[in-house]
Amino acid sequence: MAKIIIPFPLRSHTDNQRAVTVDGDTLAAAMDSLFNRHPGLQSINRQPGLLSIFINGRAVERHPEQWQKIAVTADDEITLIIPIAGG
């Protein structure tokens, strides 16, 4: 199972878990597993530009329609990052 690191602002949707393990051999399947277990996170799926995703520290495509093409293994760590702006 791959591990998804949850950013602090979204942890209220994962029972305050910092990381969640998910099934799936593609990023799309892993994210579907995450959304099925934690439906409150579905809102990030509806706003593709809102979320940056890294697999083992490498940035991947933000748009969900591309996630099916990105392979994920059981040893991968997927990190979700919400961009923050301010001044």
N, C-alpha and C. Protein backbone atom coordinates (compact mmCIF):
# COMPACT_ATOMS: atom_id res chain seq x y z
N MET A 1 0.84 -1.19 0.00
CA MET A 1 0.00 0.00 0.00
C MET A 1 0.88 1.24 0.00
N ALA A 2 0.55 2.18 -0.85
CA ALA A 2 1.25 3.45 -0.87
C ALA A 2 0.78 4.30 0.31
N LYS A 3 1.62 5.24 0.71
CA LYS A 3 1.29 6.12 1.82
C LYS A 3 1.07 7.53 1.26
N ILE A 4 -0.03 8.16 1.68
CA ILE A 4 -0.32 9.54 1.28
C ILE A 4 -0.16 10.43 2.51
N ILE A 5 0.70 11.45 2.38
CA ILE A 5 0.91 12.42 3.44
C ILE A 5 -0.14 13.52 3.28
N ILE A 6 -0.89 13.76 4.34
CA ILE A 6 -2.00 14.71 4.32
C ILE A 6 -1.56 16.05 4.90
N PRO A 7 -1.77 17.16 4.17
CA PRO A 7 -1.39 18.47 4.73
C PRO A 7 -2.28 18.83 5.93
N PHE A 8 -1.71 19.59 6.84
CA PHE A 8 -2.41 19.93 8.08
C PHE A 8 -3.83 20.46 7.86
N PRO A 9 -4.07 21.39 6.91
CA PRO A 9 -5.43 21.92 6.76
C PRO A 9 -6.47 20.88 6.36
N LEU A 10 -6.05 19.73 5.85
CA LEU A 10 -7.00 18.70 5.42
C LEU A 10 -7.12 17.55 6.41
N ARG A 11 -6.35 17.56 7.46
CA ARG A 11 -6.35 16.42 8.39
C ARG A 11 -7.65 16.24 9.14
N SER A 12 -8.46 17.28 9.21
CA SER A 12 -9.76 17.13 9.88
C SER A 12 -10.63 16.13 9.12
N HIS A 13 -10.34 15.91 7.83
CA HIS A 13 -11.09 14.95 7.02
C HIS A 13 -10.55 13.53 7.14
N THR A 14 -9.40 13.37 7.80
CA THR A 14 -8.78 12.05 7.94
C THR A 14 -8.61 11.67 9.41
N ASP A 15 -9.50 12.15 10.24
CA ASP A 15 -9.41 11.89 11.69
C ASP A 15 -8.07 12.32 12.24
N ASN A 16 -7.56 13.45 11.72
CA ASN A 16 -6.29 14.05 12.14
C ASN A 16 -5.08 13.16 11.90
N GLN A 17 -5.20 12.24 10.96
CA GLN A 17 -4.05 11.41 10.60
C GLN A 17 -3.11 12.20 9.70
N ARG A 18 -1.81 12.10 9.98
CA ARG A 18 -0.79 12.75 9.16
C ARG A 18 -0.58 11.99 7.85
N ALA A 19 -0.77 10.68 7.89
CA ALA A 19 -0.57 9.84 6.71
C ALA A 19 -1.66 8.78 6.65
N VAL A 20 -2.03 8.41 5.42
CA VAL A 20 -3.05 7.40 5.18
C VAL A 20 -2.48 6.41 4.17
N THR A 21 -2.64 5.12 4.42
CA THR A 21 -2.21 4.13 3.44
C THR A 21 -3.38 3.82 2.52
N VAL A 22 -3.06 3.65 1.23
CA VAL A 22 -4.09 3.43 0.22
C VAL A 22 -3.68 2.31 -0.73
N ASP A 23 -4.67 1.72 -1.37
CA ASP A 23 -4.43 0.72 -2.41
C ASP A 23 -4.42 1.42 -3.77
N GLY A 24 -3.84 0.75 -4.76
CA GLY A 24 -3.89 1.25 -6.12
C GLY A 24 -2.54 1.16 -6.80
N ASP A 25 -2.56 0.88 -8.10
CA ASP A 25 -1.32 0.80 -8.85
C ASP A 25 -1.09 2.01 -9.76
N THR A 26 -2.03 2.95 -9.71
CA THR A 26 -1.85 4.24 -10.38
C THR A 26 -2.20 5.34 -9.39
N LEU A 27 -1.77 6.55 -9.70
CA LEU A 27 -2.12 7.68 -8.83
C LEU A 27 -3.63 7.85 -8.78
N ALA A 28 -4.31 7.63 -9.90
CA ALA A 28 -5.78 7.74 -9.92
C ALA A 28 -6.41 6.75 -8.95
N ALA A 29 -5.95 5.50 -8.98
CA ALA A 29 -6.51 4.48 -8.08
C ALA A 29 -6.19 4.79 -6.63
N ALA A 30 -4.99 5.28 -6.36
CA ALA A 30 -4.61 5.63 -4.99
C ALA A 30 -5.47 6.79 -4.47
N MET A 31 -5.68 7.79 -5.32
CA MET A 31 -6.49 8.93 -4.90
C MET A 31 -7.95 8.52 -4.74
N ASP A 32 -8.45 7.65 -5.62
CA ASP A 32 -9.82 7.14 -5.46
C ASP A 32 -9.96 6.40 -4.13
N SER A 33 -8.96 5.61 -3.78
CA SER A 33 -8.97 4.91 -2.50
C SER A 33 -9.02 5.91 -1.34
N LEU A 34 -8.23 6.97 -1.44
CA LEU A 34 -8.23 8.01 -0.41
C LEU A 34 -9.60 8.67 -0.31
N PHE A 35 -10.17 9.05 -1.46
CA PHE A 35 -11.47 9.74 -1.46
C PHE A 35 -12.59 8.83 -0.97
N ASN A 36 -12.52 7.55 -1.27
CA ASN A 36 -13.54 6.61 -0.80
C ASN A 36 -13.48 6.44 0.72
N ARG A 37 -12.29 6.39 1.27
CA ARG A 37 -12.14 6.23 2.72
C ARG A 37 -12.40 7.52 3.48
N HIS A 38 -12.13 8.66 2.82
CA HIS A 38 -12.28 9.97 3.46
C HIS A 38 -13.02 10.91 2.51
N PRO A 39 -14.34 10.75 2.39
CA PRO A 39 -15.12 11.50 1.41
C PRO A 39 -15.02 13.02 1.56
N GLY A 40 -14.69 13.51 2.72
CA GLY A 40 -14.55 14.96 2.90
C GLY A 40 -13.45 15.56 2.05
N LEU A 41 -12.54 14.73 1.57
CA LEU A 41 -11.45 15.21 0.73
C LEU A 41 -11.84 15.35 -0.74
N GLN A 42 -13.05 14.94 -1.10
CA GLN A 42 -13.50 15.03 -2.49
C GLN A 42 -13.40 16.45 -3.04
N SER A 43 -13.50 17.45 -2.18
CA SER A 43 -13.45 18.84 -2.65
C SER A 43 -12.13 19.17 -3.32
N ILE A 44 -11.03 18.54 -2.91
CA ILE A 44 -9.75 18.83 -3.57
C ILE A 44 -9.71 18.24 -4.96
N ASN A 45 -10.50 17.22 -5.21
CA ASN A 45 -10.54 16.60 -6.53
C ASN A 45 -11.29 17.48 -7.52
N ARG A 46 -12.15 18.34 -7.03
CA ARG A 46 -12.94 19.21 -7.89
C ARG A 46 -12.21 20.49 -8.27
N GLN A 47 -11.06 20.74 -7.64
CA GLN A 47 -10.29 21.95 -7.90
C GLN A 47 -8.85 21.56 -8.24
N PRO A 48 -8.59 21.12 -9.49
CA PRO A 48 -7.29 20.59 -9.86
C PRO A 48 -6.11 21.51 -9.59
N GLY A 49 -6.27 22.80 -9.74
CA GLY A 49 -5.17 23.73 -9.50
C GLY A 49 -4.87 23.95 -8.03
N LEU A 50 -5.74 23.48 -7.16
CA LEU A 50 -5.58 23.71 -5.73
C LEU A 50 -4.49 22.86 -5.11
N LEU A 51 -4.19 21.73 -5.69
CA LEU A 51 -3.36 20.73 -5.05
C LEU A 51 -2.09 20.45 -5.85
N SER A 52 -0.97 20.40 -5.15
CA SER A 52 0.28 19.93 -5.76
C SER A 52 0.53 18.54 -5.19
N ILE A 53 0.98 17.63 -6.07
CA ILE A 53 1.22 16.24 -5.66
C ILE A 53 2.66 15.87 -5.98
N PHE A 54 3.29 15.22 -5.01
CA PHE A 54 4.65 14.73 -5.18
C PHE A 54 4.66 13.24 -4.87
N ILE A 55 5.38 12.47 -5.67
CA ILE A 55 5.59 11.06 -5.39
C ILE A 55 7.08 10.89 -5.14
N ASN A 56 7.40 10.48 -3.92
CA ASN A 56 8.80 10.32 -3.51
C ASN A 56 9.61 11.59 -3.77
N GLY A 57 8.99 12.75 -3.51
CA GLY A 57 9.67 14.02 -3.63
C GLY A 57 9.69 14.63 -5.02
N ARG A 58 9.10 13.95 -6.01
CA ARG A 58 9.08 14.47 -7.38
C ARG A 58 7.68 14.93 -7.74
N ALA A 59 7.59 16.15 -8.25
CA ALA A 59 6.29 16.72 -8.63
C ALA A 59 5.67 15.92 -9.77
N VAL A 60 4.35 15.76 -9.71
CA VAL A 60 3.61 15.08 -10.77
C VAL A 60 2.50 15.99 -11.27
N GLU A 61 1.88 15.58 -12.35
CA GLU A 61 0.79 16.32 -12.99
C GLU A 61 -0.34 16.59 -12.00
N ARG A 62 -0.80 17.82 -11.96
CA ARG A 62 -1.87 18.21 -11.03
C ARG A 62 -3.26 17.76 -11.47
N HIS A 63 -3.47 17.61 -12.75
CA HIS A 63 -4.83 17.39 -13.25
C HIS A 63 -5.24 15.93 -13.16
N PRO A 64 -6.38 15.66 -12.50
CA PRO A 64 -6.84 14.28 -12.28
C PRO A 64 -6.96 13.43 -13.54
N GLU A 65 -7.24 14.04 -14.68
CA GLU A 65 -7.37 13.23 -15.89
C GLU A 65 -6.03 12.62 -16.32
N GLN A 66 -4.93 13.09 -15.78
CA GLN A 66 -3.61 12.54 -16.09
C GLN A 66 -3.14 11.49 -15.07
N TRP A 67 -3.83 11.38 -13.95
CA TRP A 67 -3.39 10.51 -12.86
C TRP A 67 -3.39 9.03 -13.23
N GLN A 68 -4.23 8.64 -14.19
CA GLN A 68 -4.31 7.24 -14.60
C GLN A 68 -3.00 6.78 -15.25
N LYS A 69 -2.23 7.71 -15.78
CA LYS A 69 -0.98 7.39 -16.48
C LYS A 69 0.22 7.31 -15.54
N ILE A 70 0.04 7.63 -14.27
CA ILE A 70 1.16 7.69 -13.32
C ILE A 70 1.13 6.46 -12.42
N ALA A 71 2.15 5.62 -12.56
CA ALA A 71 2.24 4.38 -11.78
C ALA A 71 2.61 4.68 -10.33
N VAL A 72 2.07 3.86 -9.43
CA VAL A 72 2.34 3.96 -8.00
C VAL A 72 2.63 2.55 -7.49
N THR A 73 3.64 2.43 -6.63
CA THR A 73 3.95 1.14 -6.03
C THR A 73 3.67 1.19 -4.53
N ALA A 74 3.71 0.03 -3.90
CA ALA A 74 3.44 -0.06 -2.46
C ALA A 74 4.46 0.71 -1.63
N ASP A 75 5.64 0.92 -2.17
CA ASP A 75 6.69 1.62 -1.42
C ASP A 75 6.67 3.13 -1.61
N ASP A 76 5.78 3.63 -2.45
CA ASP A 76 5.76 5.06 -2.75
C ASP A 76 5.14 5.89 -1.64
N GLU A 77 5.66 7.10 -1.51
CA GLU A 77 5.09 8.08 -0.59
C GLU A 77 4.55 9.23 -1.43
N ILE A 78 3.25 9.44 -1.35
CA ILE A 78 2.58 10.50 -2.10
C ILE A 78 2.33 11.65 -1.12
N THR A 79 2.81 12.82 -1.47
CA THR A 79 2.64 13.99 -0.60
C THR A 79 1.70 14.97 -1.26
N LEU A 80 0.68 15.38 -0.54
CA LEU A 80 -0.27 16.39 -1.02
C LEU A 80 0.12 17.73 -0.41
N ILE A 81 0.19 18.75 -1.25
CA ILE A 81 0.56 20.08 -0.77
C ILE A 81 -0.45 21.08 -1.30
N ILE A 82 -0.95 21.92 -0.42
CA ILE A 82 -1.87 22.98 -0.81
C ILE A 82 -1.05 24.26 -0.89
N PRO A 83 -0.96 24.86 -2.08
CA PRO A 83 -0.20 26.12 -2.21
C PRO A 83 -0.80 27.21 -1.31
N ILE A 84 0.06 27.97 -0.70
CA ILE A 84 -0.37 29.06 0.18
C ILE A 84 0.17 30.37 -0.37
N ALA A 85 -0.69 31.36 -0.46
CA ALA A 85 -0.27 32.67 -0.94
C ALA A 85 -0.46 33.68 0.17
N GLY A 86 0.29 34.68 0.13
CA GLY A 86 0.15 35.72 1.14
C GLY A 86 1.11 36.86 0.86
N GLY A 87 1.05 37.82 1.69
CA GLY A 87 1.94 38.95 1.44
C GLY A 87 2.18 39.73 2.67
